Amino acid sequence: MEKYQAILVVGAPGVGKSTYSKEIVKDGGYFIFSTGDMFRNLNPKTEMGAKAKEIMDRGDLVDDETVVKLAKETLQRFAQEGKFDPEKDVLLLDGIPRTLAQVEMVKDFIEVKQVVSYFVEDEQIMVDRIMSRGEGRSDDTDEEIIRKRIQKYNEATAPILRKYPQEILIKLDASRTITEVVEELKEKIYRRN
């Protein structure tokens, strides 16, 4: 199987990853793959869906093997259904890989061409953004759980940035306006030849 070309989108909860990705997709040639959306769309009546929901409702992260297995299956299904065209689209990966173990686990089906790292120095900005977006997730309305998710990001996900060559890493200050962040992103983002 040919590997999917991808841009890894990294940043703590509330930094604006999905907002910026949605702006980039408008230009064509990109497909957003968010593990958050993948988990929100799981059927809670299935064993996997119920397990994932229980874990997320606690503010914890789903285990690496489950995340990678579900991601691979979901991407294959999206390609078969015509939602995602691996020949034309570059994946914007939001939420995978999110641990050092997952970096290795996804290598057999994903080739990371670029890593976009969004950062916000003031944690309160991220907390406020999450609480104001109201996506219907119970863990989006509890400040303590939100701070726990940000802490888990800093402990488990931020270290993956060291696993990729620095020349493919783009760091963007996400405390600016959406327009400012997106303009800089469009100048620097990888495009398929």
N, C-alpha and C. Protein backbone atom coordinates (compact mmCIF):
# COMPACT_ATOMS: atom_id res chain seq x y z
N MET A 1 0.83 -1.20 0.00
CA MET A 1 0.00 0.00 0.00
C MET A 1 0.87 1.25 0.00
N GLU A 2 0.56 2.19 -0.87
CA GLU A 2 1.28 3.46 -0.90
C GLU A 2 0.89 4.28 0.32
N LYS A 3 1.87 4.95 0.90
CA LYS A 3 1.59 5.73 2.10
C LYS A 3 0.82 7.00 1.76
N TYR A 4 -0.04 7.40 2.71
CA TYR A 4 -0.76 8.66 2.57
C TYR A 4 0.20 9.80 2.85
N GLN A 5 0.20 10.85 2.01
CA GLN A 5 1.00 12.04 2.29
C GLN A 5 0.23 12.88 3.31
N ALA A 6 0.96 13.40 4.29
CA ALA A 6 0.26 14.09 5.38
C ALA A 6 1.06 15.25 5.94
N ILE A 7 0.30 16.20 6.49
CA ILE A 7 0.85 17.28 7.29
C ILE A 7 0.30 17.07 8.69
N LEU A 8 1.19 16.96 9.65
CA LEU A 8 0.78 16.77 11.03
C LEU A 8 0.49 18.14 11.64
N VAL A 9 -0.72 18.29 12.17
CA VAL A 9 -1.15 19.54 12.79
C VAL A 9 -1.14 19.32 14.30
N VAL A 10 -0.27 20.06 15.00
CA VAL A 10 -0.07 19.83 16.43
C VAL A 10 -0.33 21.10 17.22
N GLY A 11 -0.97 20.94 18.37
CA GLY A 11 -1.21 22.07 19.25
C GLY A 11 -2.14 21.63 20.38
N ALA A 12 -2.03 22.32 21.49
CA ALA A 12 -2.86 21.99 22.65
C ALA A 12 -4.34 22.22 22.34
N PRO A 13 -5.24 21.59 23.11
CA PRO A 13 -6.67 21.83 22.92
C PRO A 13 -6.97 23.33 23.01
N GLY A 14 -7.80 23.83 22.10
CA GLY A 14 -8.19 25.23 22.13
C GLY A 14 -7.26 26.17 21.39
N VAL A 15 -6.22 25.62 20.76
CA VAL A 15 -5.25 26.46 20.05
C VAL A 15 -5.78 26.89 18.68
N GLY A 16 -6.77 26.15 18.15
CA GLY A 16 -7.41 26.53 16.89
C GLY A 16 -7.06 25.65 15.70
N LYS A 17 -6.55 24.45 15.96
CA LYS A 17 -6.12 23.56 14.87
C LYS A 17 -7.19 23.35 13.82
N SER A 18 -8.40 23.00 14.25
CA SER A 18 -9.44 22.71 13.26
C SER A 18 -9.89 23.97 12.52
N THR A 19 -9.91 25.10 13.19
CA THR A 19 -10.29 26.36 12.55
C THR A 19 -9.33 26.67 11.40
N TYR A 20 -8.03 26.58 11.65
CA TYR A 20 -7.03 26.89 10.61
C TYR A 20 -7.07 25.85 9.49
N SER A 21 -7.24 24.59 9.86
CA SER A 21 -7.30 23.53 8.84
C SER A 21 -8.48 23.74 7.90
N LYS A 22 -9.63 24.12 8.46
CA LYS A 22 -10.82 24.35 7.62
C LYS A 22 -10.57 25.47 6.61
N GLU A 23 -9.79 26.48 6.98
CA GLU A 23 -9.47 27.57 6.07
C GLU A 23 -8.56 27.08 4.93
N ILE A 24 -7.60 26.22 5.26
CA ILE A 24 -6.66 25.70 4.26
C ILE A 24 -7.37 24.79 3.26
N VAL A 25 -8.31 23.98 3.74
CA VAL A 25 -9.03 23.03 2.89
C VAL A 25 -9.82 23.74 1.79
N LYS A 26 -10.25 24.97 2.06
CA LYS A 26 -11.02 25.73 1.07
C LYS A 26 -10.26 25.89 -0.24
N ASP A 27 -8.93 25.88 -0.19
CA ASP A 27 -8.11 26.03 -1.40
C ASP A 27 -8.02 24.73 -2.21
N GLY A 28 -8.51 23.62 -1.65
CA GLY A 28 -8.46 22.33 -2.34
C GLY A 28 -7.13 21.62 -2.15
N GLY A 29 -7.14 20.30 -2.36
CA GLY A 29 -5.92 19.50 -2.27
C GLY A 29 -5.59 19.00 -0.89
N TYR A 30 -6.47 19.26 0.07
CA TYR A 30 -6.24 18.82 1.45
C TYR A 30 -7.49 18.14 1.99
N PHE A 31 -7.28 17.21 2.92
CA PHE A 31 -8.39 16.54 3.59
C PHE A 31 -8.08 16.50 5.08
N ILE A 32 -8.99 17.07 5.89
CA ILE A 32 -8.79 17.07 7.34
C ILE A 32 -9.15 15.70 7.90
N PHE A 33 -8.23 15.13 8.66
CA PHE A 33 -8.55 13.90 9.39
C PHE A 33 -8.31 14.17 10.86
N SER A 34 -9.40 14.30 11.60
CA SER A 34 -9.34 14.62 13.02
C SER A 34 -9.77 13.41 13.84
N THR A 35 -8.91 12.98 14.76
CA THR A 35 -9.30 11.85 15.60
C THR A 35 -10.43 12.27 16.54
N GLY A 36 -10.49 13.57 16.89
CA GLY A 36 -11.61 14.04 17.71
C GLY A 36 -12.93 13.81 17.01
N ASP A 37 -12.98 14.20 15.71
CA ASP A 37 -14.20 13.96 14.92
C ASP A 37 -14.46 12.46 14.78
N MET A 38 -13.38 11.70 14.56
CA MET A 38 -13.52 10.25 14.40
C MET A 38 -14.18 9.66 15.64
N PHE A 39 -13.71 10.08 16.83
CA PHE A 39 -14.27 9.54 18.06
C PHE A 39 -15.69 10.06 18.32
N ARG A 40 -15.93 11.34 18.00
CA ARG A 40 -17.28 11.88 18.21
C ARG A 40 -18.29 11.17 17.32
N ASN A 41 -17.85 10.68 16.15
CA ASN A 41 -18.76 10.02 15.21
C ASN A 41 -18.85 8.51 15.41
N LEU A 42 -18.12 7.98 16.39
CA LEU A 42 -18.24 6.55 16.68
C LEU A 42 -19.63 6.27 17.25
N ASN A 43 -20.14 5.13 16.91
CA ASN A 43 -21.44 4.73 17.45
C ASN A 43 -21.25 4.27 18.90
N PRO A 44 -21.86 4.99 19.89
CA PRO A 44 -21.66 4.61 21.29
C PRO A 44 -22.31 3.28 21.65
N LYS A 45 -23.10 2.72 20.71
CA LYS A 45 -23.72 1.42 20.96
C LYS A 45 -22.79 0.26 20.61
N THR A 46 -21.67 0.59 19.88
CA THR A 46 -20.69 -0.45 19.58
C THR A 46 -19.71 -0.55 20.75
N GLU A 47 -19.03 -1.67 20.85
CA GLU A 47 -18.08 -1.88 21.95
C GLU A 47 -16.98 -0.81 21.91
N MET A 48 -16.42 -0.57 20.70
CA MET A 48 -15.35 0.40 20.55
C MET A 48 -15.84 1.81 20.86
N GLY A 49 -17.03 2.15 20.39
CA GLY A 49 -17.59 3.48 20.62
C GLY A 49 -17.87 3.75 22.09
N ALA A 50 -18.43 2.76 22.76
CA ALA A 50 -18.73 2.91 24.19
C ALA A 50 -17.45 3.07 25.00
N LYS A 51 -16.44 2.27 24.66
CA LYS A 51 -15.15 2.32 25.37
C LYS A 51 -14.51 3.70 25.19
N ALA A 52 -14.49 4.19 23.94
CA ALA A 52 -13.86 5.48 23.64
C ALA A 52 -14.60 6.61 24.36
N LYS A 53 -15.94 6.57 24.35
CA LYS A 53 -16.73 7.63 24.98
C LYS A 53 -16.46 7.68 26.48
N GLU A 54 -16.41 6.53 27.11
CA GLU A 54 -16.17 6.47 28.56
C GLU A 54 -14.81 7.09 28.90
N ILE A 55 -13.79 6.75 28.10
CA ILE A 55 -12.43 7.27 28.33
C ILE A 55 -12.40 8.78 28.14
N MET A 56 -13.00 9.27 27.04
CA MET A 56 -12.98 10.71 26.74
C MET A 56 -13.78 11.52 27.76
N ASP A 57 -14.89 10.97 28.24
CA ASP A 57 -15.71 11.68 29.23
C ASP A 57 -14.94 11.92 30.53
N ARG A 58 -13.94 11.09 30.80
CA ARG A 58 -13.09 11.27 31.98
C ARG A 58 -11.99 12.31 31.71
N GLY A 59 -11.83 12.70 30.44
CA GLY A 59 -10.75 13.61 30.08
C GLY A 59 -9.46 12.88 29.79
N ASP A 60 -9.53 11.55 29.69
CA ASP A 60 -8.34 10.75 29.41
C ASP A 60 -8.20 10.48 27.91
N LEU A 61 -7.05 9.97 27.52
CA LEU A 61 -6.76 9.67 26.12
C LEU A 61 -6.97 8.19 25.82
N VAL A 62 -7.51 7.89 24.65
CA VAL A 62 -7.72 6.51 24.21
C VAL A 62 -6.33 5.90 23.91
N ASP A 63 -6.16 4.60 24.21
CA ASP A 63 -4.85 3.96 24.06
C ASP A 63 -4.36 3.98 22.61
N ASP A 64 -3.03 3.95 22.45
CA ASP A 64 -2.38 4.10 21.14
C ASP A 64 -2.85 3.09 20.10
N GLU A 65 -2.88 1.81 20.47
CA GLU A 65 -3.23 0.77 19.51
C GLU A 65 -4.64 0.98 18.96
N THR A 66 -5.59 1.32 19.84
CA THR A 66 -6.97 1.54 19.43
C THR A 66 -7.06 2.74 18.49
N VAL A 67 -6.37 3.83 18.84
CA VAL A 67 -6.41 5.05 18.02
C VAL A 67 -5.87 4.76 16.61
N VAL A 68 -4.70 4.12 16.54
CA VAL A 68 -4.07 3.87 15.24
C VAL A 68 -4.90 2.90 14.40
N LYS A 69 -5.42 1.86 15.02
CA LYS A 69 -6.25 0.88 14.30
C LYS A 69 -7.50 1.56 13.73
N LEU A 70 -8.17 2.35 14.56
CA LEU A 70 -9.37 3.05 14.12
C LEU A 70 -9.05 4.06 13.01
N ALA A 71 -7.94 4.77 13.15
CA ALA A 71 -7.56 5.78 12.15
C ALA A 71 -7.30 5.12 10.80
N LYS A 72 -6.56 4.02 10.80
CA LYS A 72 -6.25 3.33 9.55
C LYS A 72 -7.53 2.83 8.89
N GLU A 73 -8.40 2.20 9.67
CA GLU A 73 -9.67 1.70 9.14
C GLU A 73 -10.55 2.83 8.61
N THR A 74 -10.59 3.95 9.34
CA THR A 74 -11.44 5.08 8.95
C THR A 74 -10.92 5.71 7.66
N LEU A 75 -9.61 5.89 7.54
CA LEU A 75 -9.02 6.47 6.32
C LEU A 75 -9.30 5.58 5.11
N GLN A 76 -9.16 4.27 5.28
CA GLN A 76 -9.45 3.34 4.18
C GLN A 76 -10.92 3.45 3.77
N ARG A 77 -11.80 3.55 4.76
CA ARG A 77 -13.24 3.68 4.46
C ARG A 77 -13.52 5.00 3.74
N PHE A 78 -12.91 6.09 4.20
CA PHE A 78 -13.11 7.39 3.55
C PHE A 78 -12.63 7.35 2.10
N ALA A 79 -11.51 6.67 1.84
CA ALA A 79 -11.00 6.56 0.47
C ALA A 79 -11.96 5.75 -0.39
N GLN A 80 -12.48 4.64 0.15
CA GLN A 80 -13.43 3.80 -0.59
C GLN A 80 -14.72 4.55 -0.87
N GLU A 81 -15.16 5.38 0.08
CA GLU A 81 -16.41 6.12 -0.08
C GLU A 81 -16.24 7.38 -0.93
N GLY A 82 -14.99 7.69 -1.31
CA GLY A 82 -14.73 8.86 -2.15
C GLY A 82 -14.67 10.18 -1.40
N LYS A 83 -14.66 10.13 -0.06
CA LYS A 83 -14.57 11.36 0.74
C LYS A 83 -13.15 11.93 0.69
N PHE A 84 -12.18 11.03 0.55
CA PHE A 84 -10.77 11.38 0.57
C PHE A 84 -10.10 10.70 -0.61
N ASP A 85 -9.33 11.46 -1.40
CA ASP A 85 -8.64 10.90 -2.56
C ASP A 85 -7.13 10.89 -2.29
N PRO A 86 -6.59 9.72 -1.93
CA PRO A 86 -5.16 9.63 -1.60
C PRO A 86 -4.23 10.05 -2.74
N GLU A 87 -4.73 10.01 -3.98
CA GLU A 87 -3.92 10.41 -5.14
C GLU A 87 -3.78 11.93 -5.24
N LYS A 88 -4.76 12.67 -4.73
CA LYS A 88 -4.79 14.13 -4.89
C LYS A 88 -4.68 14.88 -3.58
N ASP A 89 -5.22 14.30 -2.52
CA ASP A 89 -5.30 15.04 -1.25
C ASP A 89 -4.13 14.75 -0.32
N VAL A 90 -3.67 15.83 0.33
CA VAL A 90 -2.72 15.71 1.43
C VAL A 90 -3.54 15.73 2.71
N LEU A 91 -3.30 14.77 3.59
CA LEU A 91 -4.03 14.72 4.86
C LEU A 91 -3.53 15.82 5.79
N LEU A 92 -4.46 16.48 6.46
CA LEU A 92 -4.12 17.36 7.58
C LEU A 92 -4.49 16.56 8.82
N LEU A 93 -3.49 16.00 9.47
CA LEU A 93 -3.73 15.10 10.60
C LEU A 93 -3.84 15.89 11.89
N ASP A 94 -4.99 15.78 12.53
CA ASP A 94 -5.26 16.46 13.79
C ASP A 94 -5.56 15.41 14.85
N GLY A 95 -4.59 15.12 15.69
CA GLY A 95 -4.82 14.17 16.78
C GLY A 95 -4.10 12.85 16.62
N ILE A 96 -3.43 12.64 15.51
CA ILE A 96 -2.65 11.42 15.30
C ILE A 96 -1.47 11.73 14.39
N PRO A 97 -0.28 11.30 14.70
CA PRO A 97 0.13 10.69 15.96
C PRO A 97 0.18 11.74 17.07
N ARG A 98 -0.19 11.31 18.28
CA ARG A 98 -0.18 12.26 19.39
C ARG A 98 0.70 11.76 20.55
N THR A 99 1.34 10.60 20.36
CA THR A 99 2.30 10.10 21.36
C THR A 99 3.53 9.61 20.62
N LEU A 100 4.63 9.44 21.34
CA LEU A 100 5.86 8.94 20.73
C LEU A 100 5.65 7.56 20.12
N ALA A 101 4.86 6.72 20.80
CA ALA A 101 4.59 5.38 20.27
C ALA A 101 3.82 5.46 18.95
N GLN A 102 2.84 6.36 18.86
CA GLN A 102 2.05 6.48 17.63
C GLN A 102 2.89 6.98 16.46
N VAL A 103 3.91 7.81 16.72
CA VAL A 103 4.79 8.28 15.65
C VAL A 103 5.33 7.09 14.88
N GLU A 104 5.77 6.07 15.61
CA GLU A 104 6.32 4.85 14.98
C GLU A 104 5.21 4.01 14.35
N MET A 105 4.06 3.92 15.03
CA MET A 105 2.97 3.04 14.58
C MET A 105 2.35 3.49 13.27
N VAL A 106 2.32 4.79 12.99
CA VAL A 106 1.66 5.26 11.76
C VAL A 106 2.58 5.25 10.55
N LYS A 107 3.88 5.01 10.77
CA LYS A 107 4.85 5.09 9.67
C LYS A 107 4.57 4.12 8.54
N ASP A 108 3.88 3.01 8.83
CA ASP A 108 3.64 2.02 7.78
C ASP A 108 2.56 2.45 6.79
N PHE A 109 1.75 3.48 7.16
CA PHE A 109 0.72 3.91 6.21
C PHE A 109 0.64 5.43 6.02
N ILE A 110 1.47 6.19 6.75
CA ILE A 110 1.46 7.66 6.62
C ILE A 110 2.88 8.19 6.47
N GLU A 111 3.07 9.07 5.49
CA GLU A 111 4.35 9.77 5.33
C GLU A 111 4.14 11.23 5.70
N VAL A 112 4.75 11.65 6.80
CA VAL A 112 4.60 13.02 7.27
C VAL A 112 5.56 13.92 6.49
N LYS A 113 5.00 14.84 5.70
CA LYS A 113 5.78 15.75 4.87
C LYS A 113 6.12 17.04 5.61
N GLN A 114 5.28 17.40 6.57
CA GLN A 114 5.47 18.66 7.28
C GLN A 114 4.75 18.57 8.63
N VAL A 115 5.26 19.31 9.61
CA VAL A 115 4.62 19.37 10.92
C VAL A 115 4.34 20.84 11.22
N VAL A 116 3.06 21.16 11.44
CA VAL A 116 2.67 22.52 11.79
C VAL A 116 2.34 22.53 13.28
N SER A 117 3.13 23.28 14.05
CA SER A 117 2.97 23.34 15.50
C SER A 117 2.41 24.71 15.89
N TYR A 118 1.17 24.71 16.40
CA TYR A 118 0.55 25.94 16.87
C TYR A 118 0.80 26.07 18.37
N PHE A 119 1.10 27.29 18.81
CA PHE A 119 1.30 27.49 20.24
C PHE A 119 0.61 28.77 20.70
N VAL A 120 0.19 28.77 21.97
CA VAL A 120 -0.36 29.95 22.63
C VAL A 120 0.29 29.97 24.01
N GLU A 121 0.98 31.07 24.32
CA GLU A 121 1.71 31.16 25.60
C GLU A 121 0.76 31.18 26.80
N ASP A 122 -0.40 31.83 26.67
CA ASP A 122 -1.33 32.00 27.78
C ASP A 122 -2.39 30.91 27.76
N GLU A 123 -2.29 29.96 28.71
CA GLU A 123 -3.22 28.83 28.77
C GLU A 123 -4.68 29.27 28.90
N GLN A 124 -4.92 30.39 29.57
CA GLN A 124 -6.30 30.86 29.78
C GLN A 124 -7.00 31.13 28.44
N ILE A 125 -6.25 31.58 27.43
CA ILE A 125 -6.85 31.83 26.10
C ILE A 125 -7.45 30.53 25.55
N MET A 126 -6.70 29.43 25.69
CA MET A 126 -7.19 28.13 25.19
C MET A 126 -8.41 27.66 25.98
N VAL A 127 -8.36 27.82 27.30
CA VAL A 127 -9.50 27.42 28.15
C VAL A 127 -10.75 28.20 27.73
N ASP A 128 -10.60 29.52 27.56
CA ASP A 128 -11.75 30.35 27.18
C ASP A 128 -12.30 29.95 25.81
N ARG A 129 -11.40 29.67 24.86
CA ARG A 129 -11.85 29.27 23.52
C ARG A 129 -12.67 27.99 23.57
N ILE A 130 -12.19 27.01 24.32
CA ILE A 130 -12.88 25.71 24.41
C ILE A 130 -14.26 25.89 25.05
N MET A 131 -14.30 26.64 26.16
CA MET A 131 -15.57 26.81 26.87
C MET A 131 -16.58 27.61 26.04
N SER A 132 -16.10 28.47 25.13
CA SER A 132 -17.02 29.29 24.34
C SER A 132 -17.50 28.59 23.07
N ARG A 133 -16.78 27.53 22.64
CA ARG A 133 -17.17 26.93 21.35
C ARG A 133 -18.38 26.00 21.47
N GLY A 134 -18.58 25.42 22.67
CA GLY A 134 -19.79 24.64 22.92
C GLY A 134 -20.10 23.58 21.88
N GLU A 135 -19.24 22.57 21.77
CA GLU A 135 -19.46 21.51 20.78
C GLU A 135 -20.33 20.38 21.33
N GLY A 136 -20.90 20.59 22.49
CA GLY A 136 -21.76 19.56 23.04
C GLY A 136 -21.00 18.46 23.76
N ARG A 137 -19.69 18.60 23.89
CA ARG A 137 -18.91 17.61 24.63
C ARG A 137 -18.93 17.99 26.10
N SER A 138 -19.18 17.02 26.96
CA SER A 138 -19.22 17.30 28.39
C SER A 138 -17.86 17.78 28.89
N ASP A 139 -16.78 17.33 28.22
CA ASP A 139 -15.44 17.74 28.67
C ASP A 139 -15.05 19.12 28.13
N ASP A 140 -15.96 19.80 27.39
CA ASP A 140 -15.70 21.16 26.91
C ASP A 140 -16.28 22.22 27.84
N THR A 141 -16.96 21.81 28.90
CA THR A 141 -17.62 22.79 29.76
C THR A 141 -17.04 22.79 31.17
N ASP A 142 -16.09 21.93 31.46
CA ASP A 142 -15.50 21.82 32.79
C ASP A 142 -14.05 22.29 32.72
N GLU A 143 -13.78 23.45 33.36
CA GLU A 143 -12.44 24.05 33.26
C GLU A 143 -11.35 23.11 33.78
N GLU A 144 -11.65 22.37 34.84
CA GLU A 144 -10.65 21.45 35.40
C GLU A 144 -10.28 20.36 34.39
N ILE A 145 -11.28 19.80 33.71
CA ILE A 145 -11.02 18.77 32.70
C ILE A 145 -10.27 19.37 31.51
N ILE A 146 -10.63 20.59 31.11
CA ILE A 146 -9.93 21.25 30.00
C ILE A 146 -8.46 21.42 30.35
N ARG A 147 -8.17 21.90 31.56
CA ARG A 147 -6.77 22.09 31.98
C ARG A 147 -6.03 20.75 32.04
N LYS A 148 -6.76 19.70 32.42
CA LYS A 148 -6.16 18.35 32.45
C LYS A 148 -5.80 17.92 31.03
N ARG A 149 -6.68 18.23 30.05
CA ARG A 149 -6.39 17.88 28.65
C ARG A 149 -5.17 18.64 28.14
N ILE A 150 -5.05 19.92 28.50
CA ILE A 150 -3.90 20.72 28.08
C ILE A 150 -2.62 20.16 28.70
N GLN A 151 -2.71 19.78 29.99
CA GLN A 151 -1.54 19.19 30.66
C GLN A 151 -1.14 17.88 30.00
N LYS A 152 -2.13 17.04 29.65
CA LYS A 152 -1.83 15.77 28.97
C LYS A 152 -1.16 16.03 27.62
N TYR A 153 -1.64 17.07 26.91
CA TYR A 153 -1.00 17.42 25.64
C TYR A 153 0.48 17.76 25.88
N ASN A 154 0.76 18.60 26.87
CA ASN A 154 2.13 19.02 27.14
C ASN A 154 3.03 17.84 27.51
N GLU A 155 2.46 16.86 28.22
CA GLU A 155 3.25 15.70 28.66
C GLU A 155 3.41 14.66 27.56
N ALA A 156 2.32 14.35 26.86
CA ALA A 156 2.33 13.21 25.93
C ALA A 156 2.55 13.59 24.47
N THR A 157 2.03 14.74 24.05
CA THR A 157 2.06 15.06 22.62
C THR A 157 3.19 16.01 22.25
N ALA A 158 3.40 17.07 23.02
CA ALA A 158 4.45 18.03 22.68
C ALA A 158 5.80 17.35 22.39
N PRO A 159 6.19 16.29 23.14
CA PRO A 159 7.49 15.65 22.85
C PRO A 159 7.62 15.05 21.45
N ILE A 160 6.50 14.77 20.76
CA ILE A 160 6.63 14.18 19.41
C ILE A 160 7.29 15.14 18.43
N LEU A 161 7.23 16.45 18.73
CA LEU A 161 7.84 17.43 17.83
C LEU A 161 9.33 17.16 17.64
N ARG A 162 9.97 16.56 18.65
CA ARG A 162 11.41 16.26 18.56
C ARG A 162 11.69 15.04 17.67
N LYS A 163 10.65 14.28 17.32
CA LYS A 163 10.84 13.07 16.51
C LYS A 163 10.91 13.37 15.01
N TYR A 164 10.62 14.61 14.64
CA TYR A 164 10.61 14.98 13.23
C TYR A 164 11.76 15.93 12.93
N PRO A 165 12.29 15.88 11.69
CA PRO A 165 13.39 16.79 11.33
C PRO A 165 12.94 18.25 11.46
N GLN A 166 13.81 19.07 12.02
CA GLN A 166 13.47 20.48 12.25
C GLN A 166 13.12 21.22 10.96
N GLU A 167 13.69 20.78 9.82
CA GLU A 167 13.43 21.49 8.57
C GLU A 167 12.00 21.31 8.06
N ILE A 168 11.26 20.33 8.59
CA ILE A 168 9.85 20.18 8.17
C ILE A 168 8.88 20.75 9.21
N LEU A 169 9.44 21.37 10.27
CA LEU A 169 8.63 21.90 11.36
C LEU A 169 8.34 23.40 11.16
N ILE A 170 7.07 23.77 11.25
CA ILE A 170 6.65 25.17 11.19
C ILE A 170 5.97 25.50 12.51
N LYS A 171 6.47 26.53 13.21
CA LYS A 171 5.85 26.96 14.47
C LYS A 171 5.07 28.24 14.22
N LEU A 172 3.79 28.23 14.62
CA LEU A 172 2.92 29.40 14.41
C LEU A 172 2.29 29.84 15.73
N ASP A 173 2.39 31.14 16.00
CA ASP A 173 1.78 31.72 17.19
C ASP A 173 0.27 31.85 16.94
N ALA A 174 -0.51 31.04 17.64
CA ALA A 174 -1.95 30.98 17.41
C ALA A 174 -2.74 31.93 18.30
N SER A 175 -2.04 32.82 19.00
CA SER A 175 -2.77 33.80 19.80
C SER A 175 -3.18 35.01 18.95
N ARG A 176 -2.70 35.05 17.71
CA ARG A 176 -3.05 36.13 16.78
C ARG A 176 -4.45 35.89 16.19
N THR A 177 -4.86 36.79 15.30
CA THR A 177 -6.18 36.61 14.67
C THR A 177 -6.13 35.43 13.71
N ILE A 178 -7.31 34.87 13.42
CA ILE A 178 -7.40 33.74 12.49
C ILE A 178 -6.78 34.13 11.15
N THR A 179 -7.08 35.33 10.66
CA THR A 179 -6.57 35.80 9.37
C THR A 179 -5.04 35.82 9.36
N GLU A 180 -4.44 36.33 10.43
CA GLU A 180 -2.97 36.41 10.50
C GLU A 180 -2.34 35.02 10.49
N VAL A 181 -2.92 34.11 11.27
CA VAL A 181 -2.37 32.75 11.35
C VAL A 181 -2.51 32.05 9.99
N VAL A 182 -3.70 32.15 9.39
CA VAL A 182 -3.96 31.47 8.12
C VAL A 182 -3.08 32.03 7.00
N GLU A 183 -2.88 33.35 6.97
CA GLU A 183 -2.01 33.94 5.94
C GLU A 183 -0.60 33.39 6.02
N GLU A 184 -0.05 33.31 7.25
CA GLU A 184 1.30 32.77 7.41
C GLU A 184 1.33 31.29 7.05
N LEU A 185 0.30 30.57 7.46
CA LEU A 185 0.22 29.14 7.15
C LEU A 185 0.21 28.90 5.65
N LYS A 186 -0.60 29.67 4.91
CA LYS A 186 -0.69 29.50 3.46
C LYS A 186 0.66 29.74 2.77
N GLU A 187 1.46 30.64 3.33
CA GLU A 187 2.78 30.91 2.75
C GLU A 187 3.73 29.73 2.93
N LYS A 188 3.55 28.99 4.01
CA LYS A 188 4.55 27.98 4.39
C LYS A 188 4.12 26.53 4.21
N ILE A 189 2.84 26.30 3.96
CA ILE A 189 2.33 24.93 3.99
C ILE A 189 2.77 24.12 2.77
N TYR A 190 3.01 22.84 3.01
CA TYR A 190 3.40 21.90 1.96
C TYR A 190 2.25 21.69 0.99
N ARG A 191 2.57 21.69 -0.29
CA ARG A 191 1.58 21.38 -1.33
C ARG A 191 2.09 20.21 -2.17
N ARG A 192 1.17 19.37 -2.56
CA ARG A 192 1.51 18.22 -3.38
C ARG A 192 1.96 18.69 -4.77
N ASN A 193 3.00 18.08 -5.32
CA ASN A 193 3.50 18.48 -6.66
C ASN A 193 2.53 18.06 -7.75
